[in-house]
Amino acid sequence: MIVENTQLRVGVDFFKKDEGFDFLKKVEFLDFSKKMVLAESVNGVVCVTLSREMKGRFVGLWNPSINMWKAVWLLERRLECDVVERMSVGLGFDEVKWDFRIVRIVPVLRPPDFKEYSCSRVEVYSVDRDSLKDNGKKAVIPFWPKLPNCNFVVDGVPYWVGVDECLEDMKEFCPYRREMLGRIDPCSGLYKKVEYPDHVKNECTLVHPVKLKDFVVVLIQSPGEYANPMVDLYVLDVKASVWTKLHTIGPLPFDGLRIHRCFNTGEIVLETWEGDLPADRVPFFCDPETGDVLYNNAMDALLPLWYESYSHVESLVAVKGMELISKEGKTKEKTKLRKKSLSLFT
């Protein structure tokens, strides 16, 4: 099952006290659900955020199977150098304590003398304890996420694609920047960087980190010294931090190619097009073991929202504090009140 951004009609009471306000307002998801961003699904519970309107301050935990949800208001610990518009949220899970964890990465700019260097703060919210905390100095990491949501979750641990900002290069004021994966342990809040496997690059080479059958995988498109219609598939041994190449896929019969997701059953989702412009995108499935490529028009419904889609397994799990989604009607009076409330959060 693929979870897609869906309109909901849900009432939310926000108590906004971290910026000097002291009031209780009624807000419904119907007014801003079109701009929701999915931040993964764990044990049947979907994490939804509002990256633009509330910039990582509001998170919803929603189980569509039982029509229940929980609103989480993450009070800000805003520092002067926080880059609020670049906040990123991910969902994790502590199996020992059976506790859902919301991980928030807050990018931070250094003082003026260090403009070329940046880092982030890590905060972890425990759903069971209803509390948000960080690890002090250990919560500052040399990493900036690229998206407002984590890219995927494997074994309860969220992973982000981002930019590495190496601390050792601070002396030369010339940070070494490169794309990589960053993972945050939802139990300890500790950060670990995951560098991509070594590979030969050409002008067409692209690296696509994805989740495949509960493994961290990278798909290296057009590997080698020269441009080619091939894809190399590497899988990560998380404990040993070692990449192993499992498959070389191709040659693929497409001029344009973009890799988005993998299904839990193993198929890779490809978007293809002819010519120079990806205007008419067509979805295909690719079996990495056989190299077979199959067209499936049922996937057209998700275009162009693949970047907001995750594999989802249904469950009857109810998080502590979840409530039934309301089905209240929409009136002009309520609409004015909701719009007025929303304007205070943006």
C-alpha atoms as a PDB file:
ATOM      1  CA  MET A   1       0.000   0.000   0.000  1.00  0.00           C
ATOM      2  CA  ILE A   2       1.251   3.491  -0.819  1.00  0.00           C
ATOM      3  CA  VAL A   3       0.238   6.334   1.481  1.00  0.00           C
ATOM      4  CA  GLU A   4      -0.373   9.556  -0.409  1.00  0.00           C
ATOM      5  CA  ASN A   5      -1.006  13.086   0.818  1.00  0.00           C
ATOM      6  CA  THR A   6      -4.738  13.057   1.578  1.00  0.00           C
ATOM      7  CA  GLN A   7      -7.260  15.713   2.559  1.00  0.00           C
ATOM      8  CA  LEU A   8      -8.520  15.230   6.100  1.00  0.00           C
ATOM      9  CA  ARG A   9     -11.145  17.016   8.129  1.00  0.00           C
ATOM     10  CA  VAL A  10      -9.804  17.040  11.655  1.00  0.00           C
ATOM     11  CA  GLY A  11     -10.199  19.481  14.529  1.00  0.00           C
ATOM     12  CA  VAL A  12      -7.028  20.590  16.299  1.00  0.00           C
ATOM     13  CA  ASP A  13      -6.724  22.716  19.438  1.00  0.00           C
ATOM     14  CA  PHE A  14      -3.440  24.640  19.411  1.00  0.00           C
ATOM     15  CA  PHE A  15      -2.233  26.244  22.618  1.00  0.00           C
ATOM     16  CA  LYS A  16       0.417  28.621  21.336  1.00  0.00           C
ATOM     17  CA  LYS A  17       2.392  29.940  24.280  1.00  0.00           C
ATOM     18  CA  ASP A  18       6.000  29.839  23.049  1.00  0.00           C
ATOM     19  CA  GLU A  19       5.780  33.153  21.185  1.00  0.00           C
ATOM     20  CA  GLY A  20       3.878  35.229  23.707  1.00  0.00           C
ATOM     21  CA  PHE A  21       0.369  34.084  22.768  1.00  0.00           C
ATOM     22  CA  ASP A  22      -2.004  32.621  25.334  1.00  0.00           C
ATOM     23  CA  PHE A  23      -5.156  31.365  23.671  1.00  0.00           C
ATOM     24  CA  LEU A  24      -6.976  28.279  22.521  1.00  0.00           C
ATOM     25  CA  LYS A  25      -8.171  28.080  18.920  1.00  0.00           C
ATOM     26  CA  LYS A  26      -9.937  25.494  16.815  1.00  0.00           C
ATOM     27  CA  VAL A  27      -8.217  24.544  13.568  1.00  0.00           C
ATOM     28  CA  GLU A  28      -9.241  21.913  11.019  1.00  0.00           C
ATOM     29  CA  PHE A  29      -6.967  20.010   8.708  1.00  0.00           C
ATOM     30  CA  LEU A  30      -9.308  20.751   5.826  1.00  0.00           C
ATOM     31  CA  ASP A  31      -7.842  24.254   5.520  1.00  0.00           C
ATOM     32  CA  PHE A  32      -4.235  23.195   5.057  1.00  0.00           C
ATOM     33  CA  SER A  33      -4.200  19.462   4.276  1.00  0.00           C
ATOM     34  CA  LYS A  34      -3.270  20.089   0.633  1.00  0.00           C
ATOM     35  CA  LYS A  35       0.091  21.374   1.826  1.00  0.00           C
ATOM     36  CA  MET A  36       0.816  18.515   4.197  1.00  0.00           C
ATOM     37  CA  VAL A  37       4.079  16.615   3.894  1.00  0.00           C
ATOM     38  CA  LEU A  38       4.356  12.950   4.809  1.00  0.00           C
ATOM     39  CA  ALA A  39       7.324  12.075   7.019  1.00  0.00           C
ATOM     40  CA  GLU A  40       7.148   8.260   6.850  1.00  0.00           C
ATOM     41  CA  SER A  41       5.050   5.438   8.234  1.00  0.00           C
ATOM     42  CA  VAL A  42       6.050   3.129  11.094  1.00  0.00           C
ATOM     43  CA  ASN A  43       3.947   0.222  12.381  1.00  0.00           C
ATOM     44  CA  GLY A  44       0.897   1.549  10.556  1.00  0.00           C
ATOM     45  CA  VAL A  45       1.210   5.073  12.012  1.00  0.00           C
ATOM     46  CA  VAL A  46       1.809   7.874   9.499  1.00  0.00           C
ATOM     47  CA  CYS A  47       3.662  11.057  10.448  1.00  0.00           C
ATOM     48  CA  VAL A  48       2.368  14.211   8.717  1.00  0.00           C
ATOM     49  CA  THR A  49       3.899  17.683   8.988  1.00  0.00           C
ATOM     50  CA  LEU A  50       3.255  21.203   7.778  1.00  0.00           C
ATOM     51  CA  SER A  51       6.655  22.331   6.571  1.00  0.00           C
ATOM     52  CA  ARG A  52       5.665  25.718   5.164  1.00  0.00           C
ATOM     53  CA  GLU A  53       2.848  26.974   7.360  1.00  0.00           C
ATOM     54  CA  MET A  54       4.225  25.810  10.698  1.00  0.00           C
ATOM     55  CA  LYS A  55       7.832  24.995   9.790  1.00  0.00           C
ATOM     56  CA  GLY A  56       8.156  21.750  11.725  1.00  0.00           C
ATOM     57  CA  ARG A  57       6.317  23.016  14.807  1.00  0.00           C
ATOM     58  CA  PHE A  58       3.204  20.893  14.214  1.00  0.00           C
ATOM     59  CA  VAL A  59       3.246  17.132  13.663  1.00  0.00           C
ATOM     60  CA  GLY A  60       0.311  14.765  13.328  1.00  0.00           C
ATOM     61  CA  LEU A  61       0.410  11.022  13.980  1.00  0.00           C
ATOM     62  CA  TRP A  62      -2.348   9.375  11.994  1.00  0.00           C
ATOM     63  CA  ASN A  63      -3.488   5.772  11.626  1.00  0.00           C
ATOM     64  CA  PRO A  64      -5.813   5.678   8.591  1.00  0.00           C
ATOM     65  CA  SER A  65      -6.837   2.076   9.332  1.00  0.00           C
ATOM     66  CA  ILE A  66      -8.594   2.990  12.578  1.00  0.00           C
ATOM     67  CA  ASN A  67      -9.436   6.595  11.616  1.00  0.00           C
ATOM     68  CA  MET A  68      -7.552   8.025  14.592  1.00  0.00           C
ATOM     69  CA  TRP A  69      -4.857  10.636  15.010  1.00  0.00           C
ATOM     70  CA  LYS A  70      -2.848  12.597  17.568  1.00  0.00           C
ATOM     71  CA  ALA A  71      -1.843  16.249  17.216  1.00  0.00           C
ATOM     72  CA  VAL A  72       1.640  17.056  18.497  1.00  0.00           C
ATOM     73  CA  TRP A  73       2.626  20.669  19.054  1.00  0.00           C
ATOM     74  CA  LEU A  74       6.432  20.876  19.315  1.00  0.00           C
ATOM     75  CA  LEU A  75       7.215  23.951  21.381  1.00  0.00           C
ATOM     76  CA  GLU A  76      10.115  25.858  19.890  1.00  0.00           C
ATOM     77  CA  ARG A  77      13.435  26.357  21.601  1.00  0.00           C
ATOM     78  CA  ARG A  78      14.371  28.932  19.047  1.00  0.00           C
ATOM     79  CA  LEU A  79      17.906  30.272  19.052  1.00  0.00           C
ATOM     80  CA  GLU A  80      18.973  33.431  17.281  1.00  0.00           C
ATOM     81  CA  CYS A  81      20.765  31.553  14.499  1.00  0.00           C
ATOM     82  CA  ASP A  82      18.099  28.884  13.884  1.00  0.00           C
ATOM     83  CA  VAL A  83      17.067  28.523  10.243  1.00  0.00           C
ATOM     84  CA  VAL A  84      13.406  27.800  10.975  1.00  0.00           C
ATOM     85  CA  GLU A  85      12.359  27.390   7.339  1.00  0.00           C
ATOM     86  CA  ARG A  86      14.831  24.498   6.949  1.00  0.00           C
ATOM     87  CA  MET A  87      13.584  22.397   9.886  1.00  0.00           C
ATOM     88  CA  SER A  88      13.129  18.729   9.065  1.00  0.00           C
ATOM     89  CA  VAL A  89      11.046  16.074  10.835  1.00  0.00           C
ATOM     90  CA  GLY A  90      11.297  12.286  10.881  1.00  0.00           C
ATOM     91  CA  LEU A  91       9.476   9.455  12.629  1.00  0.00           C
ATOM     92  CA  GLY A  92      11.308   6.828  14.678  1.00  0.00           C
ATOM     93  CA  PHE A  93      10.439   3.977  17.009  1.00  0.00           C
ATOM     94  CA  ASP A  94      11.919   2.659  20.264  1.00  0.00           C
ATOM     95  CA  GLU A  95      11.197  -1.082  20.279  1.00  0.00           C
ATOM     96  CA  VAL A  96      12.387  -1.602  23.868  1.00  0.00           C
ATOM     97  CA  LYS A  97      10.034   1.003  25.357  1.00  0.00           C
ATOM     98  CA  TRP A  98       7.466   0.635  22.548  1.00  0.00           C
ATOM     99  CA  ASP A  99       7.472   4.369  22.072  1.00  0.00           C
ATOM    100  CA  PHE A 100       7.089   6.396  18.896  1.00  0.00           C
ATOM    101  CA  ARG A 101       9.695   9.161  18.617  1.00  0.00           C
ATOM    102  CA  ILE A 102       9.535  12.312  16.501  1.00  0.00           C
ATOM    103  CA  VAL A 103      13.004  13.516  15.510  1.00  0.00           C
ATOM    104  CA  ARG A 104      13.414  17.155  14.522  1.00  0.00           C
ATOM    105  CA  ILE A 105      16.573  18.548  12.909  1.00  0.00           C
ATOM    106  CA  VAL A 106      16.935  22.326  13.273  1.00  0.00           C
ATOM    107  CA  PRO A 107      19.639  23.855  11.009  1.00  0.00           C
ATOM    108  CA  VAL A 108      21.695  26.575  12.681  1.00  0.00           C
ATOM    109  CA  LEU A 109      23.920  29.258  11.175  1.00  0.00           C
ATOM    110  CA  ARG A 110      27.171  30.097  12.903  1.00  0.00           C
ATOM    111  CA  PRO A 111      28.045  33.679  13.945  1.00  0.00           C
ATOM    112  CA  PRO A 112      29.102  36.166  11.211  1.00  0.00           C
ATOM    113  CA  ASP A 113      32.777  35.155  11.276  1.00  0.00           C
ATOM    114  CA  PHE A 114      31.769  31.594  10.402  1.00  0.00           C
ATOM    115  CA  LYS A 115      29.214  32.223   7.669  1.00  0.00           C
ATOM    116  CA  GLU A 116      30.618  29.450   5.493  1.00  0.00           C
ATOM    117  CA  TYR A 117      30.022  26.843   8.166  1.00  0.00           C
ATOM    118  CA  SER A 118      26.691  25.559   9.410  1.00  0.00           C
ATOM    119  CA  CYS A 119      25.361  22.792  11.615  1.00  0.00           C
ATOM    120  CA  SER A 120      22.084  21.540  13.078  1.00  0.00           C
ATOM    121  CA  ARG A 121      20.500  20.778  16.430  1.00  0.00           C
ATOM    122  CA  VAL A 122      18.705  17.485  17.073  1.00  0.00           C
ATOM    123  CA  GLU A 123      15.581  17.300  19.219  1.00  0.00           C
ATOM    124  CA  VAL A 124      13.642  14.116  20.016  1.00  0.00           C
ATOM    125  CA  TYR A 125      10.007  14.061  21.111  1.00  0.00           C
ATOM    126  CA  SER A 126       8.745  11.024  23.032  1.00  0.00           C
ATOM    127  CA  VAL A 127       5.079  10.348  22.283  1.00  0.00           C
ATOM    128  CA  ASP A 128       4.682   8.192  25.379  1.00  0.00           C
ATOM    129  CA  ARG A 129       6.208  10.795  27.743  1.00  0.00           C
ATOM    130  CA  ASP A 130       4.843  13.767  25.768  1.00  0.00           C
ATOM    131  CA  SER A 131       8.166  15.570  26.093  1.00  0.00           C
ATOM    132  CA  LEU A 132      10.767  17.139  23.796  1.00  0.00           C
ATOM    133  CA  LYS A 133      14.472  17.096  24.641  1.00  0.00           C
ATOM    134  CA  ASP A 134      17.960  17.275  23.163  1.00  0.00           C
ATOM    135  CA  ASN A 135      21.350  15.883  24.186  1.00  0.00           C
ATOM    136  CA  GLY A 136      23.066  19.163  24.938  1.00  0.00           C
ATOM    137  CA  LYS A 137      26.405  19.437  23.130  1.00  0.00           C
ATOM    138  CA  LYS A 138      25.931  16.000  21.561  1.00  0.00           C
ATOM    139  CA  ALA A 139      22.783  17.315  19.895  1.00  0.00           C
ATOM    140  CA  VAL A 140      24.813  19.625  17.604  1.00  0.00           C
ATOM    141  CA  ILE A 141      25.685  17.804  14.387  1.00  0.00           C
ATOM    142  CA  PRO A 142      27.638  18.800  11.211  1.00  0.00           C
ATOM    143  CA  PHE A 143      24.718  18.051   8.913  1.00  0.00           C
ATOM    144  CA  TRP A 144      22.009  19.926   6.975  1.00  0.00           C
ATOM    145  CA  PRO A 145      18.962  17.980   5.678  1.00  0.00           C
ATOM    146  CA  LYS A 146      17.786  18.628   2.121  1.00  0.00           C
ATOM    147  CA  LEU A 147      14.066  17.976   2.669  1.00  0.00           C
ATOM    148  CA  PRO A 148      11.523  18.996   5.347  1.00  0.00           C
ATOM    149  CA  ASN A 149      10.983  15.305   6.087  1.00  0.00           C
ATOM    150  CA  CYS A 150      13.178  12.225   6.463  1.00  0.00           C
ATOM    151  CA  ASN A 151      13.754  10.160   3.321  1.00  0.00           C
ATOM    152  CA  PHE A 152      12.929   6.783   4.857  1.00  0.00           C
ATOM    153  CA  VAL A 153      12.892   4.762   8.087  1.00  0.00           C
ATOM    154  CA  VAL A 154      14.657   1.407   8.505  1.00  0.00           C
ATOM    155  CA  ASP A 155      14.288  -0.643  11.716  1.00  0.00           C
ATOM    156  CA  GLY A 156      12.709   2.343  13.438  1.00  0.00           C
ATOM    157  CA  VAL A 157      15.618   4.679  12.590  1.00  0.00           C
ATOM    158  CA  PRO A 158      14.993   7.710  10.318  1.00  0.00           C
ATOM    159  CA  TYR A 159      17.473   8.572   7.531  1.00  0.00           C
ATOM    160  CA  TRP A 160      17.945  11.916   5.787  1.00  0.00           C
ATOM    161  CA  VAL A 161      19.757  12.912   2.617  1.00  0.00           C
ATOM    162  CA  GLY A 162      21.777  16.000   3.413  1.00  0.00           C
ATOM    163  CA  VAL A 163      25.027  17.912   3.258  1.00  0.00           C
ATOM    164  CA  ASP A 164      28.069  17.032   5.330  1.00  0.00           C
ATOM    165  CA  GLU A 165      29.752  19.954   7.104  1.00  0.00           C
ATOM    166  CA  CYS A 166      33.041  18.589   8.438  1.00  0.00           C
ATOM    167  CA  LEU A 167      34.146  20.032  11.778  1.00  0.00           C
ATOM    168  CA  GLU A 168      37.834  19.397  11.083  1.00  0.00           C
ATOM    169  CA  ASP A 169      37.765  21.849   8.179  1.00  0.00           C
ATOM    170  CA  MET A 170      36.770  24.771  10.409  1.00  0.00           C
ATOM    171  CA  LYS A 171      40.432  25.773  10.834  1.00  0.00           C
ATOM    172  CA  GLU A 172      40.734  26.560   7.145  1.00  0.00           C
ATOM    173  CA  PHE A 173      37.301  28.233   6.921  1.00  0.00           C
ATOM    174  CA  CYS A 174      36.697  26.121   3.845  1.00  0.00           C
ATOM    175  CA  PRO A 175      34.239  23.349   4.718  1.00  0.00           C
ATOM    176  CA  TYR A 176      34.197  20.216   2.619  1.00  0.00           C
ATOM    177  CA  ARG A 177      30.617  19.759   1.515  1.00  0.00           C
ATOM    178  CA  ARG A 178      29.172  16.644   0.017  1.00  0.00           C
ATOM    179  CA  GLU A 179      25.866  14.829  -0.095  1.00  0.00           C
ATOM    180  CA  MET A 180      25.470  11.832   2.173  1.00  0.00           C
ATOM    181  CA  LEU A 181      22.998  10.081   4.457  1.00  0.00           C
ATOM    182  CA  GLY A 182      22.516  11.071   8.072  1.00  0.00           C
ATOM    183  CA  ARG A 183      20.758   8.835  10.588  1.00  0.00           C
ATOM    184  CA  ILE A 184      19.451   9.782  14.024  1.00  0.00           C
ATOM    185  CA  ASP A 185      18.994   7.078  16.654  1.00  0.00           C
ATOM    186  CA  PRO A 186      15.487   7.791  18.036  1.00  0.00           C
ATOM    187  CA  CYS A 187      16.397   6.224  21.393  1.00  0.00           C
ATOM    188  CA  SER A 188      19.606   8.152  22.135  1.00  0.00           C
ATOM    189  CA  GLY A 189      19.269  11.080  19.725  1.00  0.00           C
ATOM    190  CA  LEU A 190      22.812  10.413  18.492  1.00  0.00           C
ATOM    191  CA  TYR A 191      23.801  11.185  14.906  1.00  0.00           C
ATOM    192  CA  LYS A 192      25.795   9.017  12.523  1.00  0.00           C
ATOM    193  CA  LYS A 193      26.824   9.864   8.983  1.00  0.00           C
ATOM    194  CA  VAL A 194      26.595   7.266   6.231  1.00  0.00           C
ATOM    195  CA  GLU A 195      28.776   8.004   3.224  1.00  0.00           C
ATOM    196  CA  TYR A 196      27.810   6.666  -0.183  1.00  0.00           C
ATOM    197  CA  PRO A 197      29.774   3.708  -1.606  1.00  0.00           C
ATOM    198  CA  ASP A 198      32.853   4.537  -3.663  1.00  0.00           C
ATOM    199  CA  HIS A 199      32.033   4.639  -7.358  1.00  0.00           C
ATOM    200  CA  VAL A 200      33.348   6.058 -10.609  1.00  0.00           C
ATOM    201  CA  LYS A 201      31.436   9.153 -11.721  1.00  0.00           C
ATOM    202  CA  ASN A 202      30.640  10.766 -15.038  1.00  0.00           C
ATOM    203  CA  GLU A 203      28.542  13.818 -15.938  1.00  0.00           C
ATOM    204  CA  CYS A 204      25.324  11.746 -15.796  1.00  0.00           C
ATOM    205  CA  THR A 205      25.953   9.839 -12.552  1.00  0.00           C
ATOM    206  CA  LEU A 206      23.254  10.188  -9.872  1.00  0.00           C
ATOM    207  CA  VAL A 207      22.900   8.505  -6.475  1.00  0.00           C
ATOM    208  CA  HIS A 208      19.429   7.589  -5.152  1.00  0.00           C
ATOM    209  CA  PRO A 209      19.222   6.377  -1.518  1.00  0.00           C
ATOM    210  CA  VAL A 210      16.068   4.303  -0.927  1.00  0.00           C
ATOM    211  CA  LYS A 211      14.563   1.742   1.420  1.00  0.00           C
ATOM    212  CA  LEU A 212      14.271  -1.750  -0.059  1.00  0.00           C
ATOM    213  CA  LYS A 213      12.778  -4.616   1.976  1.00  0.00           C
ATOM    214  CA  ASP A 214      13.842  -3.030   5.291  1.00  0.00           C
ATOM    215  CA  PHE A 215      17.388  -2.410   4.035  1.00  0.00           C
ATOM    216  CA  VAL A 216      19.221   0.831   3.293  1.00  0.00           C
ATOM    217  CA  VAL A 217      20.011   0.784  -0.415  1.00  0.00           C
ATOM    218  CA  VAL A 218      21.591   3.189  -2.892  1.00  0.00           C
ATOM    219  CA  LEU A 219      20.920   3.032  -6.612  1.00  0.00           C
ATOM    220  CA  ILE A 220      23.782   4.550  -8.605  1.00  0.00           C
ATOM    221  CA  GLN A 221      22.439   5.670 -11.952  1.00  0.00           C
ATOM    222  CA  SER A 222      24.885   5.767 -14.882  1.00  0.00           C
ATOM    223  CA  PRO A 223      27.890   4.357 -12.993  1.00  0.00           C
ATOM    224  CA  GLY A 224      31.311   4.231 -14.590  1.00  0.00           C
ATOM    225  CA  GLU A 225      33.645   6.522 -16.497  1.00  0.00           C
ATOM    226  CA  TYR A 226      31.229   7.139 -19.366  1.00  0.00           C
ATOM    227  CA  ALA A 227      27.478   7.837 -19.501  1.00  0.00           C
ATOM    228  CA  ASN A 228      25.456   4.622 -19.731  1.00  0.00           C
ATOM    229  CA  PRO A 229      21.856   3.421 -19.162  1.00  0.00           C
ATOM    230  CA  MET A 230      22.794   1.173 -16.227  1.00  0.00           C
ATOM    231  CA  VAL A 231      22.009   1.174 -12.491  1.00  0.00           C
ATOM    232  CA  ASP A 232      24.161  -0.377  -9.752  1.00  0.00           C
ATOM    233  CA  LEU A 233      22.372  -1.486  -6.567  1.00  0.00           C
ATOM    234  CA  TYR A 234      24.278  -1.431  -3.253  1.00  0.00           C
ATOM    235  CA  VAL A 235      22.965  -2.576   0.138  1.00  0.00           C
ATOM    236  CA  LEU A 236      24.288  -1.304   3.480  1.00  0.00           C
ATOM    237  CA  ASP A 237      25.393  -3.465   6.398  1.00  0.00           C
ATOM    238  CA  VAL A 238      24.377  -0.992   9.111  1.00  0.00           C
ATOM    239  CA  LYS A 239      26.470  -2.506  11.925  1.00  0.00           C
ATOM    240  CA  ALA A 240      29.664  -2.769   9.873  1.00  0.00           C
ATOM    241  CA  SER A 241      29.006   0.401   7.805  1.00  0.00           C
ATOM    242  CA  VAL A 242      29.941  -1.525   4.665  1.00  0.00           C
ATOM    243  CA  TRP A 243      28.281  -1.331   1.227  1.00  0.00           C
ATOM    244  CA  THR A 244      27.937  -4.434  -0.941  1.00  0.00           C
ATOM    245  CA  LYS A 245      26.959  -4.363  -4.611  1.00  0.00           C
ATOM    246  CA  LEU A 246      24.140  -6.831  -5.248  1.00  0.00           C
ATOM    247  CA  HIS A 247      22.966  -6.098  -8.793  1.00  0.00           C
ATOM    248  CA  THR A 248      23.803  -4.259 -11.979  1.00  0.00           C
ATOM    249  CA  ILE A 249      20.554  -3.402 -13.754  1.00  0.00           C
ATOM    250  CA  GLY A 250      20.336  -2.627 -17.439  1.00  0.00           C
ATOM    251  CA  PRO A 251      20.947  -1.463 -20.000  1.00  0.00           C
ATOM    252  CA  LEU A 252      17.563   0.272 -19.640  1.00  0.00           C
ATOM    253  CA  PRO A 253      15.748   1.381 -22.829  1.00  0.00           C
ATOM    254  CA  PHE A 254      15.049   4.987 -21.762  1.00  0.00           C
ATOM    255  CA  ASP A 255      16.450   8.390 -22.719  1.00  0.00           C
ATOM    256  CA  GLY A 256      15.322  10.079 -19.491  1.00  0.00           C
ATOM    257  CA  LEU A 257      15.182   8.289 -16.159  1.00  0.00           C
ATOM    258  CA  ARG A 258      14.446   9.173 -12.548  1.00  0.00           C
ATOM    259  CA  ILE A 259      14.384   6.713  -9.645  1.00  0.00           C
ATOM    260  CA  HIS A 260      11.953   7.412  -6.798  1.00  0.00           C
ATOM    261  CA  ARG A 261      11.023   4.579  -4.502  1.00  0.00           C
ATOM    262  CA  CYS A 262      11.114   0.855  -3.913  1.00  0.00           C
ATOM    263  CA  PHE A 263       8.181  -1.287  -2.885  1.00  0.00           C
ATOM    264  CA  ASN A 264       8.421  -3.655   0.082  1.00  0.00           C
ATOM    265  CA  THR A 265       8.117  -6.472  -2.436  1.00  0.00           C
ATOM    266  CA  GLY A 266      11.356  -5.319  -4.076  1.00  0.00           C
ATOM    267  CA  GLU A 267      10.318  -3.522  -7.257  1.00  0.00           C
ATOM    268  CA  ILE A 268      12.011  -0.221  -8.084  1.00  0.00           C
ATOM    269  CA  VAL A 269       9.746   2.640  -9.199  1.00  0.00           C
ATOM    270  CA  LEU A 270      11.100   4.431 -12.277  1.00  0.00           C
ATOM    271  CA  GLU A 271       9.885   7.593 -13.968  1.00  0.00           C
ATOM    272  CA  THR A 272      10.883   7.839 -17.601  1.00  0.00           C
ATOM    273  CA  TRP A 273      10.480  10.239 -20.514  1.00  0.00           C
ATOM    274  CA  GLU A 274      11.684  10.731 -24.059  1.00  0.00           C
ATOM    275  CA  GLY A 275      13.794  13.637 -25.247  1.00  0.00           C
ATOM    276  CA  ASP A 276      15.345  16.396 -23.152  1.00  0.00           C
ATOM    277  CA  LEU A 277      12.331  17.508 -21.092  1.00  0.00           C
ATOM    278  CA  PRO A 278      10.662  15.289 -18.451  1.00  0.00           C
ATOM    279  CA  ALA A 279       7.235  16.749 -19.255  1.00  0.00           C
ATOM    280  CA  ASP A 280       5.467  13.494 -20.153  1.00  0.00           C
ATOM    281  CA  ARG A 281       6.604  11.199 -17.397  1.00  0.00           C
ATOM    282  CA  VAL A 282       5.655   7.530 -17.509  1.00  0.00           C
ATOM    283  CA  PRO A 283       5.955   5.203 -14.471  1.00  0.00           C
ATOM    284  CA  PHE A 284       7.518   1.749 -14.706  1.00  0.00           C
ATOM    285  CA  PHE A 285       8.407  -1.009 -12.259  1.00  0.00           C
ATOM    286  CA  CYS A 286      11.799  -2.687 -12.423  1.00  0.00           C
ATOM    287  CA  ASP A 287      12.671  -6.037 -10.851  1.00  0.00           C
ATOM    288  CA  PRO A 288      16.302  -5.629  -9.690  1.00  0.00           C
ATOM    289  CA  GLU A 289      16.936  -9.376  -9.669  1.00  0.00           C
ATOM    290  CA  THR A 290      15.807 -10.061 -13.241  1.00  0.00           C
ATOM    291  CA  GLY A 291      16.146  -6.587 -14.764  1.00  0.00           C
ATOM    292  CA  ASP A 292      12.584  -6.823 -16.148  1.00  0.00           C
ATOM    293  CA  VAL A 293      10.823  -3.471 -16.676  1.00  0.00           C
ATOM    294  CA  LEU A 294       7.012  -3.347 -16.622  1.00  0.00           C
ATOM    295  CA  TYR A 295       4.601  -0.483 -17.266  1.00  0.00           C
ATOM    296  CA  ASN A 296       1.755   0.026 -14.791  1.00  0.00           C
ATOM    297  CA  ASN A 297      -0.779   2.765 -15.519  1.00  0.00           C
ATOM    298  CA  ALA A 298      -2.254   2.474 -12.017  1.00  0.00           C
ATOM    299  CA  MET A 299       0.728   4.447 -10.731  1.00  0.00           C
ATOM    300  CA  ASP A 300      -0.211   7.512 -12.801  1.00  0.00           C
ATOM    301  CA  ALA A 301      -2.423   8.624  -9.919  1.00  0.00           C
ATOM    302  CA  LEU A 302       0.640   9.351  -7.782  1.00  0.00           C
ATOM    303  CA  LEU A 303       2.396  11.574 -10.323  1.00  0.00           C
ATOM    304  CA  PRO A 304       4.012  13.925  -9.491  1.00  0.00           C
ATOM    305  CA  LEU A 305       3.872  13.122  -5.750  1.00  0.00           C
ATOM    306  CA  TRP A 306       6.395  10.297  -5.503  1.00  0.00           C
ATOM    307  CA  TYR A 307       8.576  12.377  -3.206  1.00  0.00           C
ATOM    308  CA  GLU A 308       5.658  12.480  -0.722  1.00  0.00           C
ATOM    309  CA  SER A 309       4.942   8.745  -0.856  1.00  0.00           C
ATOM    310  CA  TYR A 310       6.057   5.936   1.427  1.00  0.00           C
ATOM    311  CA  SER A 311       5.390   2.231   1.679  1.00  0.00           C
ATOM    312  CA  HIS A 312       2.781   1.658   4.351  1.00  0.00           C
ATOM    313  CA  VAL A 313       1.706  -1.479   6.218  1.00  0.00           C
ATOM    314  CA  GLU A 314      -1.735  -1.302   7.820  1.00  0.00           C
ATOM    315  CA  SER A 315      -2.167  -1.958  11.532  1.00  0.00           C
ATOM    316  CA  LEU A 316      -4.558  -1.399  14.430  1.00  0.00           C
ATOM    317  CA  VAL A 317      -1.951   0.432  16.520  1.00  0.00           C
ATOM    318  CA  ALA A 318      -3.301   3.374  18.524  1.00  0.00           C
ATOM    319  CA  VAL A 319      -0.730   5.814  19.875  1.00  0.00           C
ATOM    320  CA  LYS A 320      -1.226   7.190  23.384  1.00  0.00           C
ATOM    321  CA  GLY A 321      -3.417  10.290  23.137  1.00  0.00           C
ATOM    322  CA  MET A 322      -4.965   9.450  19.753  1.00  0.00           C
ATOM    323  CA  GLU A 323      -8.527  10.576  19.065  1.00  0.00           C
ATOM    324  CA  LEU A 324     -11.121   9.691  16.460  1.00  0.00           C
ATOM    325  CA  ILE A 325     -11.037  11.954  13.415  1.00  0.00           C
ATOM    326  CA  SER A 326     -14.050  14.247  13.535  1.00  0.00           C
ATOM    327  CA  LYS A 327     -16.481  14.640  10.663  1.00  0.00           C
ATOM    328  CA  GLU A 328     -17.783  18.057  11.541  1.00  0.00           C
ATOM    329  CA  GLY A 329     -19.243  20.270   8.848  1.00  0.00           C
ATOM    330  CA  LYS A 330     -17.751  23.430   7.457  1.00  0.00           C
ATOM    331  CA  THR A 331     -19.522  26.746   8.011  1.00  0.00           C
ATOM    332  CA  LYS A 332     -18.585  30.294   7.033  1.00  0.00           C
ATOM    333  CA  GLU A 333     -18.174  31.241  10.682  1.00  0.00           C
ATOM    334  CA  LYS A 334     -15.845  28.317  11.379  1.00  0.00           C
ATOM    335  CA  THR A 335     -13.899  29.019   8.204  1.00  0.00           C
ATOM    336  CA  LYS A 336     -13.187  32.613   9.283  1.00  0.00           C
ATOM    337  CA  LEU A 337     -12.081  31.429  12.716  1.00  0.00           C
ATOM    338  CA  ARG A 338      -9.781  28.771  11.291  1.00  0.00           C
ATOM    339  CA  LYS A 339      -8.198  31.171   8.791  1.00  0.00           C
ATOM    340  CA  LYS A 340      -7.618  33.709  11.546  1.00  0.00           C
ATOM    341  CA  SER A 341      -5.993  31.035  13.714  1.00  0.00           C
ATOM    342  CA  LEU A 342      -3.794  29.782  10.880  1.00  0.00           C
ATOM    343  CA  SER A 343      -2.546  33.284  10.122  1.00  0.00           C
ATOM    344  CA  LEU A 344      -1.004  33.442  13.589  1.00  0.00           C
ATOM    345  CA  PHE A 345       1.140  30.382  12.913  1.00  0.00           C
ATOM    346  CA  THR A 346       2.620  31.497   9.581  1.00  0.00           C
END
